[in-house]
PDB file of N, CA and C in Angstrom:
ATOM      1  N   MET A   1     -42.637  -0.346  24.800  1.00  0.00           N
ATOM      2  CA  MET A   1     -43.146  -0.979  26.038  1.00  0.00           C
ATOM      3  C   MET A   1     -42.965  -2.422  26.077  1.00  0.00           C
ATOM      4  N   LYS A   2     -42.653  -2.697  27.095  1.00  0.00           N
ATOM      5  CA  LYS A   2     -42.360  -4.369  27.362  1.00  0.00           C
ATOM      6  C   LYS A   2     -43.623  -5.009  27.385  1.00  0.00           C
ATOM      7  N   ALA A   3     -43.345  -6.555  26.831  1.00  0.00           N
ATOM      8  CA  ALA A   3     -44.526  -7.380  26.660  1.00  0.00           C
ATOM      9  C   ALA A   3     -45.255  -7.527  27.960  1.00  0.00           C
ATOM     10  N   ARG A   4     -44.414  -7.883  29.019  1.00  0.00           N
ATOM     11  CA  ARG A   4     -45.271  -8.104  30.354  1.00  0.00           C
ATOM     12  C   ARG A   4     -46.254  -6.944  30.638  1.00  0.00           C
ATOM     13  N   HIS A   5     -45.630  -5.864  30.651  1.00  0.00           N
ATOM     14  CA  HIS A   5     -46.132  -4.424  31.090  1.00  0.00           C
ATOM     15  C   HIS A   5     -47.437  -4.458  29.776  1.00  0.00           C
ATOM     16  N   GLU A   6     -47.328  -4.633  28.769  1.00  0.00           N
ATOM     17  CA  GLU A   6     -48.508  -4.590  27.751  1.00  0.00           C
ATOM     18  C   GLU A   6     -49.621  -5.425  28.199  1.00  0.00           C
ATOM     19  N   LEU A   7     -49.115  -6.842  28.692  1.00  0.00           N
ATOM     20  CA  LEU A   7     -50.115  -7.931  29.283  1.00  0.00           C
ATOM     21  C   LEU A   7     -50.723  -7.556  30.351  1.00  0.00           C
ATOM     22  N   GLU A   8     -50.188  -6.758  31.109  1.00  0.00           N
ATOM     23  CA  GLU A   8     -50.757  -6.575  32.365  1.00  0.00           C
ATOM     24  C   GLU A   8     -51.979  -5.290  31.979  1.00  0.00           C
ATOM     25  N   LYS A   9     -51.794  -4.604  31.251  1.00  0.00           N
ATOM     26  CA  LYS A   9     -52.442  -3.473  30.923  1.00  0.00           C
ATOM     27  C   LYS A   9     -53.935  -4.288  29.970  1.00  0.00           C
ATOM     28  N   VAL A  10     -53.578  -4.832  29.057  1.00  0.00           N
ATOM     29  CA  VAL A  10     -54.508  -5.895  28.345  1.00  0.00           C
ATOM     30  C   VAL A  10     -55.442  -6.559  29.428  1.00  0.00           C
ATOM     31  N   PHE A  11     -54.824  -7.129  30.306  1.00  0.00           N
ATOM     32  CA  PHE A  11     -55.729  -7.822  31.285  1.00  0.00           C
ATOM     33  C   PHE A  11     -56.494  -6.838  31.950  1.00  0.00           C
ATOM     34  N   ALA A  12     -56.055  -5.837  32.482  1.00  0.00           N
ATOM     35  CA  ALA A  12     -56.509  -5.057  33.284  1.00  0.00           C
ATOM     36  C   ALA A  12     -57.710  -4.394  32.525  1.00  0.00           C
ATOM     37  N   ASP A  13     -57.387  -4.143  31.256  1.00  0.00           N
ATOM     38  CA  ASP A  13     -58.818  -3.504  30.370  1.00  0.00           C
ATOM     39  C   ASP A  13     -59.942  -4.560  30.083  1.00  0.00           C
ATOM     40  N   ILE A  14     -59.807  -5.726  30.179  1.00  0.00           N
ATOM     41  CA  ILE A  14     -60.806  -6.567  29.929  1.00  0.00           C
ATOM     42  C   ILE A  14     -61.584  -6.584  31.092  1.00  0.00           C
ATOM     43  N   HIS A  15     -63.041  -6.315  30.679  1.00  0.00           N
ATOM     44  CA  HIS A  15     -64.199  -6.144  31.810  1.00  0.00           C
ATOM     45  C   HIS A  15     -65.342  -7.283  31.428  1.00  0.00           C
ATOM     46  N   ASP A  16     -65.270  -7.696  30.408  1.00  0.00           N
ATOM     47  CA  ASP A  16     -65.977  -8.773  30.132  1.00  0.00           C
ATOM     48  C   ASP A  16     -65.707 -10.015  30.415  1.00  0.00           C
ATOM     49  N   HIS A  17     -66.445 -10.886  30.865  1.00  0.00           N
ATOM     50  CA  HIS A  17     -66.085 -12.080  31.352  1.00  0.00           C
ATOM     51  C   HIS A  17     -65.862 -13.303  29.923  1.00  0.00           C
ATOM     52  N   GLN A  18     -66.829 -13.138  29.284  1.00  0.00           N
ATOM     53  CA  GLN A  18     -66.589 -13.662  28.085  1.00  0.00           C
ATOM     54  C   GLN A  18     -65.441 -13.601  27.260  1.00  0.00           C
ATOM     55  N   ASP A  19     -65.168 -12.067  27.156  1.00  0.00           N
ATOM     56  CA  ASP A  19     -63.939 -11.755  26.381  1.00  0.00           C
ATOM     57  C   ASP A  19     -62.821 -12.291  27.320  1.00  0.00           C
ATOM     58  N   MET A  20     -62.763 -12.225  28.426  1.00  0.00           N
ATOM     59  CA  MET A  20     -61.606 -13.008  29.326  1.00  0.00           C
ATOM     60  C   MET A  20     -61.404 -14.513  28.847  1.00  0.00           C
ATOM     61  N   ALA A  21     -62.623 -14.885  29.052  1.00  0.00           N
ATOM     62  CA  ALA A  21     -62.698 -16.423  28.730  1.00  0.00           C
ATOM     63  C   ALA A  21     -62.181 -16.784  27.168  1.00  0.00           C
ATOM     64  N   SER A  22     -62.348 -15.874  26.190  1.00  0.00           N
ATOM     65  CA  SER A  22     -61.889 -16.181  24.879  1.00  0.00           C
ATOM     66  C   SER A  22     -60.706 -15.850  24.869  1.00  0.00           C
ATOM     67  N   PHE A  23     -60.242 -14.875  25.466  1.00  0.00           N
ATOM     68  CA  PHE A  23     -58.693 -14.199  25.402  1.00  0.00           C
ATOM     69  C   PHE A  23     -57.551 -15.492  26.237  1.00  0.00           C
ATOM     70  N   PHE A  24     -58.392 -15.930  27.217  1.00  0.00           N
ATOM     71  CA  PHE A  24     -57.402 -16.977  27.664  1.00  0.00           C
ATOM     72  C   PHE A  24     -57.119 -18.375  26.983  1.00  0.00           C
ATOM     73  N   GLU A  25     -58.474 -18.681  26.180  1.00  0.00           N
ATOM     74  CA  GLU A  25     -58.548 -19.635  25.279  1.00  0.00           C
ATOM     75  C   GLU A  25     -57.678 -19.063  24.029  1.00  0.00           C
ATOM     76  N   GLU A  26     -57.448 -18.185  23.665  1.00  0.00           N
ATOM     77  CA  GLU A  26     -56.595 -17.892  22.359  1.00  0.00           C
ATOM     78  C   GLU A  26     -55.040 -17.782  22.724  1.00  0.00           C
ATOM     79  N   ILE A  27     -54.539 -17.240  24.098  1.00  0.00           N
ATOM     80  CA  ILE A  27     -53.228 -16.842  24.162  1.00  0.00           C
ATOM     81  C   ILE A  27     -52.688 -18.169  25.304  1.00  0.00           C
ATOM     82  N   PHE A  28     -53.296 -18.774  25.814  1.00  0.00           N
ATOM     83  CA  PHE A  28     -52.634 -19.942  26.536  1.00  0.00           C
ATOM     84  C   PHE A  28     -52.947 -21.254  26.154  1.00  0.00           C
ATOM     85  N   THR A  29     -52.229 -22.408  25.897  1.00  0.00           N
ATOM     86  CA  THR A  29     -52.480 -23.645  25.715  1.00  0.00           C
ATOM     87  C   THR A  29     -53.261 -24.064  27.020  1.00  0.00           C
ATOM     88  N   PRO A  30     -53.820 -25.046  26.434  1.00  0.00           N
ATOM     89  CA  PRO A  30     -54.847 -26.128  27.515  1.00  0.00           C
ATOM     90  C   PRO A  30     -54.085 -26.534  28.809  1.00  0.00           C
ATOM     91  N   LYS A  31     -52.887 -26.809  28.669  1.00  0.00           N
ATOM     92  CA  LYS A  31     -51.717 -26.983  29.841  1.00  0.00           C
ATOM     93  C   LYS A  31     -51.529 -25.797  30.782  1.00  0.00           C
ATOM     94  N   GLU A  32     -51.303 -24.732  29.921  1.00  0.00           N
ATOM     95  CA  GLU A  32     -51.117 -23.471  30.750  1.00  0.00           C
ATOM     96  C   GLU A  32     -52.424 -23.119  31.456  1.00  0.00           C
ATOM     97  N   ILE A  33     -53.441 -23.319  31.020  1.00  0.00           N
ATOM     98  CA  ILE A  33     -54.772 -22.794  31.768  1.00  0.00           C
ATOM     99  C   ILE A  33     -54.948 -23.885  32.724  1.00  0.00           C
ATOM    100  N   LYS A  34     -54.676 -24.811  32.442  1.00  0.00           N
ATOM    101  CA  LYS A  34     -54.957 -26.193  33.532  1.00  0.00           C
ATOM    102  C   LYS A  34     -53.724 -25.785  34.789  1.00  0.00           C
ATOM    103  N   ASP A  35     -52.592 -25.323  34.376  1.00  0.00           N
ATOM    104  CA  ASP A  35     -51.474 -24.690  35.595  1.00  0.00           C
ATOM    105  C   ASP A  35     -52.240 -23.843  35.929  1.00  0.00           C
ATOM    106  N   LEU A  36     -52.759 -22.866  35.565  1.00  0.00           N
ATOM    107  CA  LEU A  36     -53.116 -21.661  36.371  1.00  0.00           C
ATOM    108  C   LEU A  36     -54.485 -22.283  37.130  1.00  0.00           C
ATOM    109  N   GLU A  37     -55.148 -22.747  36.719  1.00  0.00           N
ATOM    110  CA  GLU A  37     -56.409 -23.475  37.833  1.00  0.00           C
ATOM    111  C   GLU A  37     -55.914 -23.938  38.849  1.00  0.00           C
ATOM    112  N   LEU A  38     -54.641 -24.711  38.713  1.00  0.00           N
ATOM    113  CA  LEU A  38     -54.449 -25.451  39.860  1.00  0.00           C
ATOM    114  C   LEU A  38     -53.502 -24.611  40.719  1.00  0.00           C
ATOM    115  N   ARG A  39     -52.883 -23.657  40.237  1.00  0.00           N
ATOM    116  CA  ARG A  39     -52.474 -22.566  41.266  1.00  0.00           C
ATOM    117  C   ARG A  39     -53.555 -21.794  41.897  1.00  0.00           C
ATOM    118  N   TRP A  40     -54.620 -21.467  41.303  1.00  0.00           N
ATOM    119  CA  TRP A  40     -55.666 -21.017  41.965  1.00  0.00           C
ATOM    120  C   TRP A  40     -56.242 -21.660  43.145  1.00  0.00           C
ATOM    121  N   GLU A  41     -56.372 -22.978  42.478  1.00  0.00           N
ATOM    122  CA  GLU A  41     -57.009 -24.197  43.712  1.00  0.00           C
ATOM    123  C   GLU A  41     -56.283 -24.036  44.878  1.00  0.00           C
ATOM    124  N   LEU A  42     -54.878 -24.075  44.613  1.00  0.00           N
ATOM    125  CA  LEU A  42     -53.861 -24.195  45.577  1.00  0.00           C
ATOM    126  C   LEU A  42     -54.135 -23.005  46.540  1.00  0.00           C
ATOM    127  N   LEU A  43     -54.180 -21.924  46.138  1.00  0.00           N
ATOM    128  CA  LEU A  43     -54.422 -20.644  46.905  1.00  0.00           C
ATOM    129  C   LEU A  43     -55.640 -20.798  47.608  1.00  0.00           C
ATOM    130  N   LYS A  44     -56.682 -21.005  46.991  1.00  0.00           N
ATOM    131  CA  LYS A  44     -58.134 -21.171  47.778  1.00  0.00           C
ATOM    132  C   LYS A  44     -57.843 -21.984  48.751  1.00  0.00           C
ATOM    133  N   GLU A  45     -57.306 -23.416  48.510  1.00  0.00           N
ATOM    134  CA  GLU A  45     -57.142 -24.253  49.607  1.00  0.00           C
ATOM    135  C   GLU A  45     -56.300 -23.859  51.032  1.00  0.00           C
ATOM    136  N   LEU A  46     -55.392 -22.911  50.437  1.00  0.00           N
ATOM    137  CA  LEU A  46     -54.594 -22.303  51.736  1.00  0.00           C
ATOM    138  C   LEU A  46     -55.240 -21.289  52.589  1.00  0.00           C
ATOM    139  N   HIS A  47     -55.890 -20.675  51.554  1.00  0.00           N
ATOM    140  CA  HIS A  47     -56.586 -19.272  52.344  1.00  0.00           C
ATOM    141  C   HIS A  47     -57.759 -20.043  53.152  1.00  0.00           C
ATOM    142  N   ALA A  48     -58.532 -21.109  52.825  1.00  0.00           N
ATOM    143  CA  ALA A  48     -59.551 -21.696  53.727  1.00  0.00           C
ATOM    144  C   ALA A  48     -58.899 -22.407  54.945  1.00  0.00           C
ATOM    145  N   GLY A  49     -57.550 -22.415  54.675  1.00  0.00           N
ATOM    146  CA  GLY A  49     -56.894 -23.201  56.142  1.00  0.00           C
ATOM    147  C   GLY A  49     -56.626 -24.654  56.158  1.00  0.00           C
ATOM    148  N   GLN A  50     -56.264 -24.956  54.812  1.00  0.00           N
ATOM    149  CA  GLN A  50     -56.278 -26.673  54.771  1.00  0.00           C
ATOM    150  C   GLN A  50     -54.926 -26.503  55.072  1.00  0.00           C
ATOM    151  N   PRO A  51     -54.257 -27.918  55.336  1.00  0.00           N
ATOM    152  CA  PRO A  51     -53.056 -28.148  55.826  1.00  0.00           C
ATOM    153  C   PRO A  51     -51.980 -28.401  54.583  1.00  0.00           C
ATOM    154  N   GLN A  52     -50.802 -27.904  54.338  1.00  0.00           N
ATOM    155  CA  GLN A  52     -50.062 -28.088  53.227  1.00  0.00           C
ATOM    156  C   GLN A  52     -50.046 -29.368  52.619  1.00  0.00           C
ATOM    157  N   ARG A  53     -49.381 -30.231  53.562  1.00  0.00           N
ATOM    158  CA  ARG A  53     -49.311 -31.539  53.131  1.00  0.00           C
ATOM    159  C   ARG A  53     -50.657 -32.381  52.704  1.00  0.00           C
ATOM    160  N   SER A  54     -51.764 -32.081  53.038  1.00  0.00           N
ATOM    161  CA  SER A  54     -53.037 -32.621  52.600  1.00  0.00           C
ATOM    162  C   SER A  54     -53.157 -32.149  51.283  1.00  0.00           C
ATOM    163  N   ILE A  55     -52.793 -30.695  50.955  1.00  0.00           N
ATOM    164  CA  ILE A  55     -53.004 -30.274  49.619  1.00  0.00           C
ATOM    165  C   ILE A  55     -52.240 -30.964  48.684  1.00  0.00           C
ATOM    166  N   ALA A  56     -50.697 -30.953  48.793  1.00  0.00           N
ATOM    167  CA  ALA A  56     -49.728 -31.818  48.243  1.00  0.00           C
ATOM    168  C   ALA A  56     -50.094 -33.026  48.129  1.00  0.00           C
ATOM    169  N   ALA A  57     -50.716 -33.977  48.736  1.00  0.00           N
ATOM    170  CA  ALA A  57     -51.256 -35.231  48.814  1.00  0.00           C
ATOM    171  C   ALA A  57     -52.039 -35.379  47.653  1.00  0.00           C
ATOM    172  N   ARG A  58     -53.251 -34.448  47.930  1.00  0.00           N
ATOM    173  CA  ARG A  58     -54.460 -34.440  47.084  1.00  0.00           C
ATOM    174  C   ARG A  58     -54.146 -34.149  45.756  1.00  0.00           C
ATOM    175  N   HIS A  59     -53.421 -33.297  45.512  1.00  0.00           N
ATOM    176  CA  HIS A  59     -53.111 -32.895  44.104  1.00  0.00           C
ATOM    177  C   HIS A  59     -51.829 -33.543  43.466  1.00  0.00           C
ATOM    178  N   GLN A  60     -51.330 -34.401  44.012  1.00  0.00           N
ATOM    179  CA  GLN A  60     -49.902 -35.277  43.870  1.00  0.00           C
ATOM    180  C   GLN A  60     -48.655 -34.066  43.372  1.00  0.00           C
ATOM    181  N   ILE A  61     -48.682 -33.172  44.376  1.00  0.00           N
ATOM    182  CA  ILE A  61     -47.552 -32.136  43.921  1.00  0.00           C
ATOM    183  C   ILE A  61     -46.674 -31.965  44.958  1.00  0.00           C
ATOM    184  N   SER A  62     -45.736 -31.147  44.796  1.00  0.00           N
ATOM    185  CA  SER A  62     -44.708 -31.047  45.657  1.00  0.00           C
ATOM    186  C   SER A  62     -45.100 -29.809  46.853  1.00  0.00           C
ATOM    187  N   LEU A  63     -44.547 -29.979  47.804  1.00  0.00           N
ATOM    188  CA  LEU A  63     -44.585 -28.991  48.798  1.00  0.00           C
ATOM    189  C   LEU A  63     -44.118 -27.579  48.501  1.00  0.00           C
ATOM    190  N   CYS A  64     -43.162 -27.658  47.564  1.00  0.00           N
ATOM    191  CA  CYS A  64     -42.751 -26.321  47.295  1.00  0.00           C
ATOM    192  C   CYS A  64     -43.661 -25.380  46.399  1.00  0.00           C
ATOM    193  N   LYS A  65     -44.153 -26.086  45.795  1.00  0.00           N
ATOM    194  CA  LYS A  65     -45.648 -25.268  45.008  1.00  0.00           C
ATOM    195  C   LYS A  65     -46.379 -24.550  45.995  1.00  0.00           C
ATOM    196  N   ILE A  66     -46.753 -25.476  47.082  1.00  0.00           N
ATOM    197  CA  ILE A  66     -47.650 -24.836  48.179  1.00  0.00           C
ATOM    198  C   ILE A  66     -46.906 -24.025  48.761  1.00  0.00           C
ATOM    199  N   THR A  67     -46.024 -24.076  48.936  1.00  0.00           N
ATOM    200  CA  THR A  67     -45.132 -22.901  50.088  1.00  0.00           C
ATOM    201  C   THR A  67     -45.126 -21.692  49.349  1.00  0.00           C
ATOM    202  N   ARG A  68     -44.809 -21.675  47.897  1.00  0.00           N
ATOM    203  CA  ARG A  68     -44.754 -20.291  47.357  1.00  0.00           C
ATOM    204  C   ARG A  68     -45.972 -19.689  47.382  1.00  0.00           C
ATOM    205  N   GLY A  69     -47.352 -20.591  47.585  1.00  0.00           N
ATOM    206  CA  GLY A  69     -48.679 -19.796  47.756  1.00  0.00           C
ATOM    207  C   GLY A  69     -48.738 -19.308  48.972  1.00  0.00           C
ATOM    208  N   SER A  70     -48.379 -20.333  49.946  1.00  0.00           N
ATOM    209  CA  SER A  70     -48.563 -19.531  51.613  1.00  0.00           C
ATOM    210  C   SER A  70     -47.604 -18.439  51.790  1.00  0.00           C
ATOM    211  N   ARG A  71     -46.573 -18.107  51.026  1.00  0.00           N
ATOM    212  CA  ARG A  71     -45.851 -16.980  51.134  1.00  0.00           C
ATOM    213  C   ARG A  71     -46.600 -15.806  50.456  1.00  0.00           C
ATOM    214  N   ILE A  72     -47.202 -16.044  49.413  1.00  0.00           N
ATOM    215  CA  ILE A  72     -47.886 -14.884  48.676  1.00  0.00           C
ATOM    216  C   ILE A  72     -49.044 -14.493  49.871  1.00  0.00           C
ATOM    217  N   LEU A  73     -49.679 -15.475  50.554  1.00  0.00           N
ATOM    218  CA  LEU A  73     -50.868 -14.923  51.281  1.00  0.00           C
ATOM    219  C   LEU A  73     -50.530 -14.223  52.573  1.00  0.00           C
ATOM    220  N   LYS A  74     -49.002 -14.585  53.021  1.00  0.00           N
ATOM    221  CA  LYS A  74     -48.574 -13.941  54.141  1.00  0.00           C
ATOM    222  C   LYS A  74     -48.133 -12.831  54.103  1.00  0.00           C
ATOM    223  N   LYS A  75     -47.726 -12.380  52.508  1.00  0.00           N
ATOM    224  CA  LYS A  75     -47.271 -11.230  52.369  1.00  0.00           C
ATOM    225  C   LYS A  75     -47.745  -9.851  52.724  1.00  0.00           C
ATOM    226  N   PRO A  76     -47.572  -8.922  53.372  1.00  0.00           N
ATOM    227  CA  PRO A  76     -48.172  -7.957  53.614  1.00  0.00           C
ATOM    228  C   PRO A  76     -48.708  -7.044  52.319  1.00  0.00           C
ATOM    229  N   GLY A  77     -49.972  -6.909  52.084  1.00  0.00           N
ATOM    230  CA  GLY A  77     -50.499  -6.339  50.883  1.00  0.00           C
ATOM    231  C   GLY A  77     -50.559  -7.059  49.897  1.00  0.00           C
ATOM    232  N   SER A  78     -50.772  -8.252  50.014  1.00  0.00           N
ATOM    233  CA  SER A  78     -50.866  -9.491  49.092  1.00  0.00           C
ATOM    234  C   SER A  78     -52.442  -9.113  48.173  1.00  0.00           C
ATOM    235  N   VAL A  79     -52.250  -8.783  46.700  1.00  0.00           N
ATOM    236  CA  VAL A  79     -53.251  -8.537  45.896  1.00  0.00           C
ATOM    237  C   VAL A  79     -53.919  -9.804  46.018  1.00  0.00           C
ATOM    238  N   THR A  80     -53.309 -10.860  45.767  1.00  0.00           N
ATOM    239  CA  THR A  80     -53.994 -12.400  45.872  1.00  0.00           C
ATOM    240  C   THR A  80     -54.844 -12.558  47.075  1.00  0.00           C
ATOM    241  N   LYS A  81     -54.316 -12.324  48.578  1.00  0.00           N
ATOM    242  CA  LYS A  81     -54.799 -12.648  49.597  1.00  0.00           C
ATOM    243  C   LYS A  81     -56.372 -11.559  49.462  1.00  0.00           C
ATOM    244  N   ARG A  82     -56.144 -10.512  49.152  1.00  0.00           N
ATOM    245  CA  ARG A  82     -57.287  -9.071  48.963  1.00  0.00           C
ATOM    246  C   ARG A  82     -58.170 -10.077  48.215  1.00  0.00           C
ATOM    247  N   LEU A  83     -57.876 -10.719  47.059  1.00  0.00           N
ATOM    248  CA  LEU A  83     -58.881 -11.092  46.099  1.00  0.00           C
ATOM    249  C   LEU A  83     -59.653 -12.306  46.579  1.00  0.00           C
ATOM    250  N   LEU A  84     -58.728 -13.194  47.319  1.00  0.00           N
ATOM    251  CA  LEU A  84     -59.462 -14.198  48.130  1.00  0.00           C
ATOM    252  C   LEU A  84     -60.334 -13.875  49.049  1.00  0.00           C
ATOM    253  N   ASP A  85     -60.176 -12.704  49.896  1.00  0.00           N
ATOM    254  CA  ASP A  85     -60.896 -12.744  50.768  1.00  0.00           C
ATOM    255  C   ASP A  85     -62.170 -11.868  50.339  1.00  0.00           C
ATOM    256  N   ARG A  86     -62.046 -11.066  49.159  1.00  0.00           N
ATOM    257  CA  ARG A  86     -63.167 -10.513  48.608  1.00  0.00           C
ATOM    258  C   ARG A  86     -64.373 -11.577  48.100  1.00  0.00           C
ATOM    259  N   TYR A  87     -63.811 -12.648  47.394  1.00  0.00           N
ATOM    260  CA  TYR A  87     -64.671 -13.750  46.590  1.00  0.00           C
ATOM    261  C   TYR A  87     -65.066 -14.834  47.780  1.00  0.00           C
ATOM    262  N   TYR A  88     -64.180 -15.167  48.821  1.00  0.00           N
ATOM    263  CA  TYR A  88     -64.435 -16.156  49.630  1.00  0.00           C
ATOM    264  C   TYR A  88     -64.473 -15.735  51.046  1.00  0.00           C
ATOM    265  N   GLY A  89     -64.444 -14.749  51.373  1.00  0.00           N
ATOM    266  CA  GLY A  89     -64.283 -14.127  52.789  1.00  0.00           C
ATOM    267  C   GLY A  89     -63.176 -14.106  53.411  1.00  0.00           C
ATOM    268  N   PRO A  90     -63.131 -13.512  54.427  1.00  0.00           N
ATOM    269  CA  PRO A  90     -61.726 -13.270  55.007  1.00  0.00           C
ATOM    270  C   PRO A  90     -61.480 -14.387  55.806  1.00  0.00           C
ATOM    271  N   ARG A  91     -60.376 -15.084  56.037  1.00  0.00           N
ATOM    272  CA  ARG A  91     -60.076 -16.124  56.819  1.00  0.00           C
ATOM    273  C   ARG A  91     -59.998 -15.974  58.413  1.00  0.00           C
ATOM    274  N   GLU A  92     -60.597 -16.671  59.028  1.00  0.00           N
ATOM    275  CA  GLU A  92     -60.561 -16.316  60.529  1.00  0.00           C
ATOM    276  C   GLU A  92     -59.151 -17.262  61.155  1.00  0.00           C
ATOM    277  N   GLY A  93     -58.644 -16.555  62.291  1.00  0.00           N
ATOM    278  CA  GLY A  93     -57.537 -17.182  62.670  1.00  0.00           C
ATOM    279  C   GLY A  93     -56.355 -17.085  62.407  1.00  0.00           C
TER     280      GLY A  93
END
């Protein structure tokens, strides 16, 4: 079994929040966790309808990172969009 497939299965099998938090701390470096947190923040802000340029300025990052997130949210059947809708409500408009 390939490592990526194994990791996907492991993540899917973790149902306890504390176990997931511990697993994150064990397998990711602090920088990797910070990068994941930033990616999630960008996606949340895009989902909320904030302009890409203001997101880029606020986080001092390139528009390329934000454009990727925008494409993810526009993709038909996006799991990320479905999760954001579930946790933060569907975006109107």
